[in-house]
């Protein structure tokens, strides 16, 4: 079994959330599957100094930065083919909302990278499972907008502590035609009809062990959907 992993850079504030990305790769391997990493070959929206939180006056490439996490084993997303993988998953981080889409700046009205959209839509239309972690579900929501596929997705719950405005993000996903569902860090959302798995991860107040378990459960659910396909 091969599971595609779309990365969005390296670093929570301007790329992939590194814990989430690594835990995803680990969980895939634990399931006896092979991770196939992809990233769009584009410039990052900006570069953040992760020590100070300020902008840095430089440019970085999403594919090149993602290769740090993938240890060089990564493909240009423009080369993605549904036939190459059995499932697809997107870890979170602000890169999902800055590099893969413009959600961080324009919400659901922002653009989505064409290769990202194509990969998600083609997988969904082929009936192959798709997963999204943290802000990854917003990318799925934006990608599937207008396709007739109306997924059930979670970015977390308003009933538990979160550093982000879960209600506002849910409203944005509703605008795309998706149905938000409330899930805490101890839960995952499984849309059996559309074969989509989502989990909140660091969208909720959570420690590294909780995030690790959340991702492990999400990947296990994704694999179960593959087995049913």
C-alpha atoms as a PDB file:
ATOM      1  CA  UNK A   1       0.000   0.000   0.000  1.00  0.00           C
ATOM      2  CA  UNK A   2       1.253   3.473  -0.921  1.00  0.00           C
ATOM      3  CA  UNK A   3       0.007   6.654   0.713  1.00  0.00           C
ATOM      4  CA  UNK A   4       0.778  10.044  -0.790  1.00  0.00           C
ATOM      5  CA  UNK A   5       1.729  12.829   1.614  1.00  0.00           C
ATOM      6  CA  UNK A   6       1.437  16.440   0.434  1.00  0.00           C
ATOM      7  CA  UNK A   7       3.864  18.723   2.280  1.00  0.00           C
ATOM      8  CA  UNK A   8       3.850  22.524   2.249  1.00  0.00           C
ATOM      9  CA  UNK A   9       7.342  23.464   3.395  1.00  0.00           C
ATOM     10  CA  UNK A  10       9.261  22.938   6.623  1.00  0.00           C
ATOM     11  CA  UNK A  11       8.153  24.753   9.767  1.00  0.00           C
ATOM     12  CA  UNK A  12       4.807  25.388  11.437  1.00  0.00           C
ATOM     13  CA  UNK A  13       4.523  29.114  10.696  1.00  0.00           C
ATOM     14  CA  UNK A  14       5.372  29.064   6.992  1.00  0.00           C
ATOM     15  CA  UNK A  15       5.261  25.409   5.945  1.00  0.00           C
ATOM     16  CA  UNK A  16       4.342  21.946   7.171  1.00  0.00           C
ATOM     17  CA  UNK A  17       4.001  21.432  10.922  1.00  0.00           C
ATOM     18  CA  UNK A  18       7.063  19.248  11.411  1.00  0.00           C
ATOM     19  CA  UNK A  19       5.706  17.128  14.272  1.00  0.00           C
ATOM     20  CA  UNK A  20       2.566  16.395  12.272  1.00  0.00           C
ATOM     21  CA  UNK A  21       4.492  15.602   9.103  1.00  0.00           C
ATOM     22  CA  UNK A  22       6.932  13.246  10.838  1.00  0.00           C
ATOM     23  CA  UNK A  23       4.199  11.533  12.859  1.00  0.00           C
ATOM     24  CA  UNK A  24       2.289  10.999   9.618  1.00  0.00           C
ATOM     25  CA  UNK A  25       5.276   9.326   7.991  1.00  0.00           C
ATOM     26  CA  UNK A  26       5.833   7.222  11.106  1.00  0.00           C
ATOM     27  CA  UNK A  27       2.195   6.128  11.330  1.00  0.00           C
ATOM     28  CA  UNK A  28       2.153   5.164   7.653  1.00  0.00           C
ATOM     29  CA  UNK A  29       5.243   3.013   8.146  1.00  0.00           C
ATOM     30  CA  UNK A  30       3.735   1.426  11.270  1.00  0.00           C
ATOM     31  CA  UNK A  31       0.778   0.342   9.151  1.00  0.00           C
ATOM     32  CA  UNK A  32       3.136  -1.484   6.820  1.00  0.00           C
ATOM     33  CA  UNK A  33       2.500   1.054   4.066  1.00  0.00           C
ATOM     34  CA  UNK A  34       4.884   3.224   2.050  1.00  0.00           C
ATOM     35  CA  UNK A  35       4.759   7.012   2.180  1.00  0.00           C
ATOM     36  CA  UNK A  36       5.231   8.845  -1.113  1.00  0.00           C
ATOM     37  CA  UNK A  37       5.943  12.528  -0.465  1.00  0.00           C
ATOM     38  CA  UNK A  38       4.925  15.375  -2.754  1.00  0.00           C
ATOM     39  CA  UNK A  39       5.065  19.164  -2.667  1.00  0.00           C
ATOM     40  CA  UNK A  40       4.319  21.929  -5.162  1.00  0.00           C
ATOM     41  CA  UNK A  41       7.381  23.436  -6.838  1.00  0.00           C
ATOM     42  CA  UNK A  42       6.543  27.047  -5.927  1.00  0.00           C
ATOM     43  CA  UNK A  43       7.893  29.845  -3.756  1.00  0.00           C
ATOM     44  CA  UNK A  44       6.619  30.012  -0.187  1.00  0.00           C
ATOM     45  CA  UNK A  45       4.303  32.929   0.546  1.00  0.00           C
ATOM     46  CA  UNK A  46       6.964  34.214   2.961  1.00  0.00           C
ATOM     47  CA  UNK A  47       9.671  32.972   5.305  1.00  0.00           C
ATOM     48  CA  UNK A  48       9.233  33.200   9.076  1.00  0.00           C
ATOM     49  CA  UNK A  49      11.977  33.293  11.688  1.00  0.00           C
ATOM     50  CA  UNK A  50      10.688  30.567  14.000  1.00  0.00           C
ATOM     51  CA  UNK A  51      12.717  31.957  16.898  1.00  0.00           C
ATOM     52  CA  UNK A  52      11.323  35.507  16.814  1.00  0.00           C
ATOM     53  CA  UNK A  53       8.128  35.080  14.788  1.00  0.00           C
ATOM     54  CA  UNK A  54       9.133  37.854  12.406  1.00  0.00           C
ATOM     55  CA  UNK A  55       9.359  37.846   8.618  1.00  0.00           C
ATOM     56  CA  UNK A  56      12.730  37.157   7.007  1.00  0.00           C
ATOM     57  CA  UNK A  57      13.904  38.973   3.881  1.00  0.00           C
ATOM     58  CA  UNK A  58      14.475  35.875   1.752  1.00  0.00           C
ATOM     59  CA  UNK A  59      12.710  33.439  -0.531  1.00  0.00           C
ATOM     60  CA  UNK A  60      12.375  29.694  -0.156  1.00  0.00           C
ATOM     61  CA  UNK A  61      10.879  27.021  -2.374  1.00  0.00           C
ATOM     62  CA  UNK A  62       8.126  24.773  -0.998  1.00  0.00           C
ATOM     63  CA  UNK A  63       9.434  21.640  -2.713  1.00  0.00           C
ATOM     64  CA  UNK A  64      13.019  22.262  -1.598  1.00  0.00           C
ATOM     65  CA  UNK A  65      11.999  22.967   1.992  1.00  0.00           C
ATOM     66  CA  UNK A  66       9.670  19.958   2.108  1.00  0.00           C
ATOM     67  CA  UNK A  67      12.570  17.785   0.975  1.00  0.00           C
ATOM     68  CA  UNK A  68      14.162  18.463   4.384  1.00  0.00           C
ATOM     69  CA  UNK A  69      11.360  16.502   6.050  1.00  0.00           C
ATOM     70  CA  UNK A  70      11.265  13.820   3.345  1.00  0.00           C
ATOM     71  CA  UNK A  71      15.058  13.350   3.507  1.00  0.00           C
ATOM     72  CA  UNK A  72      15.233  14.165  -0.190  1.00  0.00           C
ATOM     73  CA  UNK A  73      12.744  11.483  -1.233  1.00  0.00           C
ATOM     74  CA  UNK A  74      10.042  13.734  -2.649  1.00  0.00           C
ATOM     75  CA  UNK A  75       8.299  14.402  -5.938  1.00  0.00           C
ATOM     76  CA  UNK A  76       7.038  17.537  -7.634  1.00  0.00           C
ATOM     77  CA  UNK A  77       3.269  17.575  -7.074  1.00  0.00           C
ATOM     78  CA  UNK A  78       2.754  18.368 -10.752  1.00  0.00           C
ATOM     79  CA  UNK A  79       3.806  14.745 -11.403  1.00  0.00           C
ATOM     80  CA  UNK A  80       1.109  13.316  -9.122  1.00  0.00           C
ATOM     81  CA  UNK A  81      -0.991  10.495 -10.533  1.00  0.00           C
ATOM     82  CA  UNK A  82      -3.902   8.787  -8.801  1.00  0.00           C
ATOM     83  CA  UNK A  83      -2.596   5.461 -10.073  1.00  0.00           C
ATOM     84  CA  UNK A  84       0.606   5.862  -8.032  1.00  0.00           C
ATOM     85  CA  UNK A  85      -1.011   5.813  -4.576  1.00  0.00           C
ATOM     86  CA  UNK A  86      -3.853   4.138  -2.679  1.00  0.00           C
ATOM     87  CA  UNK A  87      -4.616   7.120  -0.435  1.00  0.00           C
ATOM     88  CA  UNK A  88      -3.546  10.723   0.123  1.00  0.00           C
ATOM     89  CA  UNK A  89      -3.028  12.749   3.294  1.00  0.00           C
ATOM     90  CA  UNK A  90      -2.175  16.379   4.080  1.00  0.00           C
ATOM     91  CA  UNK A  91      -0.424  17.284   7.359  1.00  0.00           C
ATOM     92  CA  UNK A  92      -1.135  20.768   8.713  1.00  0.00           C
ATOM     93  CA  UNK A  93       0.883  23.838   9.535  1.00  0.00           C
ATOM     94  CA  UNK A  94       0.410  27.378   8.262  1.00  0.00           C
ATOM     95  CA  UNK A  95       1.920  26.290   4.956  1.00  0.00           C
ATOM     96  CA  UNK A  96      -1.371  24.556   4.192  1.00  0.00           C
ATOM     97  CA  UNK A  97      -3.118  27.914   4.535  1.00  0.00           C
ATOM     98  CA  UNK A  98      -0.382  30.059   2.966  1.00  0.00           C
ATOM     99  CA  UNK A  99       1.301  27.936   0.286  1.00  0.00           C
ATOM    100  CA  UNK A 100      -1.285  25.329  -0.701  1.00  0.00           C
ATOM    101  CA  UNK A 101      -4.174  27.800  -0.416  1.00  0.00           C
ATOM    102  CA  UNK A 102      -4.703  31.430   0.587  1.00  0.00           C
ATOM    103  CA  UNK A 103      -6.972  30.515   3.502  1.00  0.00           C
ATOM    104  CA  UNK A 104      -4.773  32.378   6.009  1.00  0.00           C
ATOM    105  CA  UNK A 105      -5.433  35.645   4.186  1.00  0.00           C
ATOM    106  CA  UNK A 106      -8.762  35.297   2.387  1.00  0.00           C
ATOM    107  CA  UNK A 107     -10.458  32.316   4.016  1.00  0.00           C
ATOM    108  CA  UNK A 108     -12.538  30.177   1.654  1.00  0.00           C
ATOM    109  CA  UNK A 109     -12.471  32.951  -0.965  1.00  0.00           C
ATOM    110  CA  UNK A 110      -8.740  32.568  -1.488  1.00  0.00           C
ATOM    111  CA  UNK A 111      -7.166  30.626  -4.322  1.00  0.00           C
ATOM    112  CA  UNK A 112      -5.942  27.054  -4.088  1.00  0.00           C
ATOM    113  CA  UNK A 113      -2.855  25.799  -5.868  1.00  0.00           C
ATOM    114  CA  UNK A 114      -4.010  24.073  -9.054  1.00  0.00           C
ATOM    115  CA  UNK A 115      -1.844  20.967  -8.556  1.00  0.00           C
ATOM    116  CA  UNK A 116      -3.095  20.581  -4.981  1.00  0.00           C
ATOM    117  CA  UNK A 117      -6.701  20.852  -6.086  1.00  0.00           C
ATOM    118  CA  UNK A 118      -6.191  18.436  -8.959  1.00  0.00           C
ATOM    119  CA  UNK A 119      -4.618  15.790  -6.716  1.00  0.00           C
ATOM    120  CA  UNK A 120      -7.400  15.946  -4.114  1.00  0.00           C
ATOM    121  CA  UNK A 121     -10.258  16.071  -6.619  1.00  0.00           C
ATOM    122  CA  UNK A 122      -8.862  13.244  -8.730  1.00  0.00           C
ATOM    123  CA  UNK A 123      -8.433  11.040  -5.660  1.00  0.00           C
ATOM    124  CA  UNK A 124     -11.955  11.757  -4.431  1.00  0.00           C
ATOM    125  CA  UNK A 125     -13.492  11.163  -7.837  1.00  0.00           C
ATOM    126  CA  UNK A 126     -11.575   7.889  -8.130  1.00  0.00           C
ATOM    127  CA  UNK A 127     -13.032   6.768  -4.803  1.00  0.00           C
ATOM    128  CA  UNK A 128      -9.642   6.663  -3.105  1.00  0.00           C
ATOM    129  CA  UNK A 129      -9.359   7.839   0.538  1.00  0.00           C
ATOM    130  CA  UNK A 130      -8.087  11.311   1.437  1.00  0.00           C
ATOM    131  CA  UNK A 131      -6.948  12.553   4.854  1.00  0.00           C
ATOM    132  CA  UNK A 132      -6.383  15.994   6.327  1.00  0.00           C
ATOM    133  CA  UNK A 133      -4.716  16.974   9.599  1.00  0.00           C
ATOM    134  CA  UNK A 134      -4.859  20.289  11.480  1.00  0.00           C
ATOM    135  CA  UNK A 135      -5.526  22.899   8.733  1.00  0.00           C
ATOM    136  CA  UNK A 136      -5.385  20.199   6.054  1.00  0.00           C
ATOM    137  CA  UNK A 137      -9.195  19.830   6.090  1.00  0.00           C
ATOM    138  CA  UNK A 138      -9.587  23.428   4.877  1.00  0.00           C
ATOM    139  CA  UNK A 139      -7.493  22.539   1.838  1.00  0.00           C
ATOM    140  CA  UNK A 140      -9.758  19.559   1.166  1.00  0.00           C
ATOM    141  CA  UNK A 141     -12.843  21.741   1.584  1.00  0.00           C
ATOM    142  CA  UNK A 142     -11.532  24.332  -0.855  1.00  0.00           C
ATOM    143  CA  UNK A 143     -10.436  21.676  -3.359  1.00  0.00           C
ATOM    144  CA  UNK A 144     -13.807  19.919  -3.426  1.00  0.00           C
ATOM    145  CA  UNK A 145     -15.854  23.106  -3.658  1.00  0.00           C
ATOM    146  CA  UNK A 146     -18.093  22.956  -6.718  1.00  0.00           C
ATOM    147  CA  UNK A 147     -17.423  19.274  -7.441  1.00  0.00           C
ATOM    148  CA  UNK A 148     -20.672  18.002  -5.978  1.00  0.00           C
ATOM    149  CA  UNK A 149     -18.737  16.201  -3.249  1.00  0.00           C
ATOM    150  CA  UNK A 150     -19.784  17.608   0.126  1.00  0.00           C
ATOM    151  CA  UNK A 151     -17.398  16.221   2.748  1.00  0.00           C
ATOM    152  CA  UNK A 152     -17.730  16.052   6.509  1.00  0.00           C
ATOM    153  CA  UNK A 153     -14.552  17.561   7.980  1.00  0.00           C
ATOM    154  CA  UNK A 154     -13.131  18.536  11.349  1.00  0.00           C
ATOM    155  CA  UNK A 155     -10.541  21.106  12.393  1.00  0.00           C
ATOM    156  CA  UNK A 156     -11.420  20.680  16.070  1.00  0.00           C
ATOM    157  CA  UNK A 157     -14.109  21.547  18.565  1.00  0.00           C
ATOM    158  CA  UNK A 158     -15.422  24.685  20.214  1.00  0.00           C
ATOM    159  CA  UNK A 159     -16.131  22.584  23.306  1.00  0.00           C
ATOM    160  CA  UNK A 160     -12.430  22.250  24.199  1.00  0.00           C
ATOM    161  CA  UNK A 161      -9.523  24.724  24.407  1.00  0.00           C
ATOM    162  CA  UNK A 162      -8.009  25.826  21.112  1.00  0.00           C
ATOM    163  CA  UNK A 163      -5.503  28.552  20.169  1.00  0.00           C
ATOM    164  CA  UNK A 164      -7.538  29.233  17.009  1.00  0.00           C
ATOM    165  CA  UNK A 165     -11.027  30.397  16.086  1.00  0.00           C
ATOM    166  CA  UNK A 166     -12.589  27.030  15.314  1.00  0.00           C
ATOM    167  CA  UNK A 167     -16.054  28.534  14.837  1.00  0.00           C
ATOM    168  CA  UNK A 168     -14.812  30.944  12.165  1.00  0.00           C
ATOM    169  CA  UNK A 169     -12.943  28.215  10.306  1.00  0.00           C
ATOM    170  CA  UNK A 170     -16.047  26.043  10.422  1.00  0.00           C
ATOM    171  CA  UNK A 171     -18.064  28.880   8.910  1.00  0.00           C
ATOM    172  CA  UNK A 172     -15.503  29.131   6.131  1.00  0.00           C
ATOM    173  CA  UNK A 173     -15.704  25.415   5.406  1.00  0.00           C
ATOM    174  CA  UNK A 174     -19.488  25.614   5.338  1.00  0.00           C
ATOM    175  CA  UNK A 175     -19.185  28.301   2.664  1.00  0.00           C
ATOM    176  CA  UNK A 176     -17.385  25.802   0.425  1.00  0.00           C
ATOM    177  CA  UNK A 177     -20.205  23.281   0.848  1.00  0.00           C
ATOM    178  CA  UNK A 178     -18.484  21.099   3.434  1.00  0.00           C
ATOM    179  CA  UNK A 179     -20.109  20.048   6.694  1.00  0.00           C
ATOM    180  CA  UNK A 180     -17.936  20.785   9.765  1.00  0.00           C
ATOM    181  CA  UNK A 181     -18.059  18.268  12.608  1.00  0.00           C
ATOM    182  CA  UNK A 182     -16.764  18.808  16.130  1.00  0.00           C
ATOM    183  CA  UNK A 183     -13.923  16.547  17.247  1.00  0.00           C
ATOM    184  CA  UNK A 184     -11.466  16.944  20.120  1.00  0.00           C
ATOM    185  CA  UNK A 185      -7.797  15.988  20.143  1.00  0.00           C
ATOM    186  CA  UNK A 186      -8.851  12.497  21.228  1.00  0.00           C
ATOM    187  CA  UNK A 187     -11.053  11.957  18.168  1.00  0.00           C
ATOM    188  CA  UNK A 188     -10.959  11.703  14.392  1.00  0.00           C
ATOM    189  CA  UNK A 189     -13.737  12.325  11.885  1.00  0.00           C
ATOM    190  CA  UNK A 190     -14.403   9.597   9.340  1.00  0.00           C
ATOM    191  CA  UNK A 191     -16.627  10.474   6.397  1.00  0.00           C
ATOM    192  CA  UNK A 192     -17.421   6.944   5.236  1.00  0.00           C
ATOM    193  CA  UNK A 193     -19.453   8.094   2.227  1.00  0.00           C
ATOM    194  CA  UNK A 194     -16.706  10.248   0.733  1.00  0.00           C
ATOM    195  CA  UNK A 195     -13.800   8.250   2.190  1.00  0.00           C
ATOM    196  CA  UNK A 196     -12.263  11.225   3.980  1.00  0.00           C
ATOM    197  CA  UNK A 197     -10.500  11.175   7.374  1.00  0.00           C
ATOM    198  CA  UNK A 198      -9.701  14.366   9.285  1.00  0.00           C
ATOM    199  CA  UNK A 199      -8.183  15.081  12.693  1.00  0.00           C
ATOM    200  CA  UNK A 200      -7.581  18.339  14.626  1.00  0.00           C
ATOM    201  CA  UNK A 201      -4.027  17.771  15.924  1.00  0.00           C
ATOM    202  CA  UNK A 202      -2.448  21.120  16.914  1.00  0.00           C
ATOM    203  CA  UNK A 203      -5.626  23.047  16.096  1.00  0.00           C
ATOM    204  CA  UNK A 204      -6.527  22.117  19.674  1.00  0.00           C
ATOM    205  CA  UNK A 205      -4.539  22.735  22.841  1.00  0.00           C
ATOM    206  CA  UNK A 206      -2.536  19.526  22.832  1.00  0.00           C
ATOM    207  CA  UNK A 207       0.820  18.108  23.775  1.00  0.00           C
ATOM    208  CA  UNK A 208       3.102  16.158  21.489  1.00  0.00           C
ATOM    209  CA  UNK A 209       1.903  12.770  22.784  1.00  0.00           C
ATOM    210  CA  UNK A 210      -1.735  13.649  22.135  1.00  0.00           C
ATOM    211  CA  UNK A 211      -0.925  14.831  18.613  1.00  0.00           C
ATOM    212  CA  UNK A 212       1.054  11.681  17.928  1.00  0.00           C
ATOM    213  CA  UNK A 213      -1.902   9.512  19.014  1.00  0.00           C
ATOM    214  CA  UNK A 214      -4.388  11.619  17.044  1.00  0.00           C
ATOM    215  CA  UNK A 215      -2.370  11.166  13.856  1.00  0.00           C
ATOM    216  CA  UNK A 216      -1.830   7.461  14.488  1.00  0.00           C
ATOM    217  CA  UNK A 217      -5.588   6.994  14.804  1.00  0.00           C
ATOM    218  CA  UNK A 218      -6.233   9.053  11.676  1.00  0.00           C
ATOM    219  CA  UNK A 219      -3.781   7.057   9.569  1.00  0.00           C
ATOM    220  CA  UNK A 220      -5.224   3.787  10.880  1.00  0.00           C
ATOM    221  CA  UNK A 221      -8.694   4.995   9.837  1.00  0.00           C
ATOM    222  CA  UNK A 222      -7.352   5.979   6.423  1.00  0.00           C
ATOM    223  CA  UNK A 223      -5.844   2.524   5.927  1.00  0.00           C
ATOM    224  CA  UNK A 224      -9.127   0.883   6.916  1.00  0.00           C
ATOM    225  CA  UNK A 225     -10.861   2.900   4.209  1.00  0.00           C
ATOM    226  CA  UNK A 226      -8.259   1.731   1.691  1.00  0.00           C
ATOM    227  CA  UNK A 227      -8.921  -1.868   2.709  1.00  0.00           C
ATOM    228  CA  UNK A 228     -12.642  -1.324   2.055  1.00  0.00           C
ATOM    229  CA  UNK A 229     -12.021   0.157  -1.390  1.00  0.00           C
END
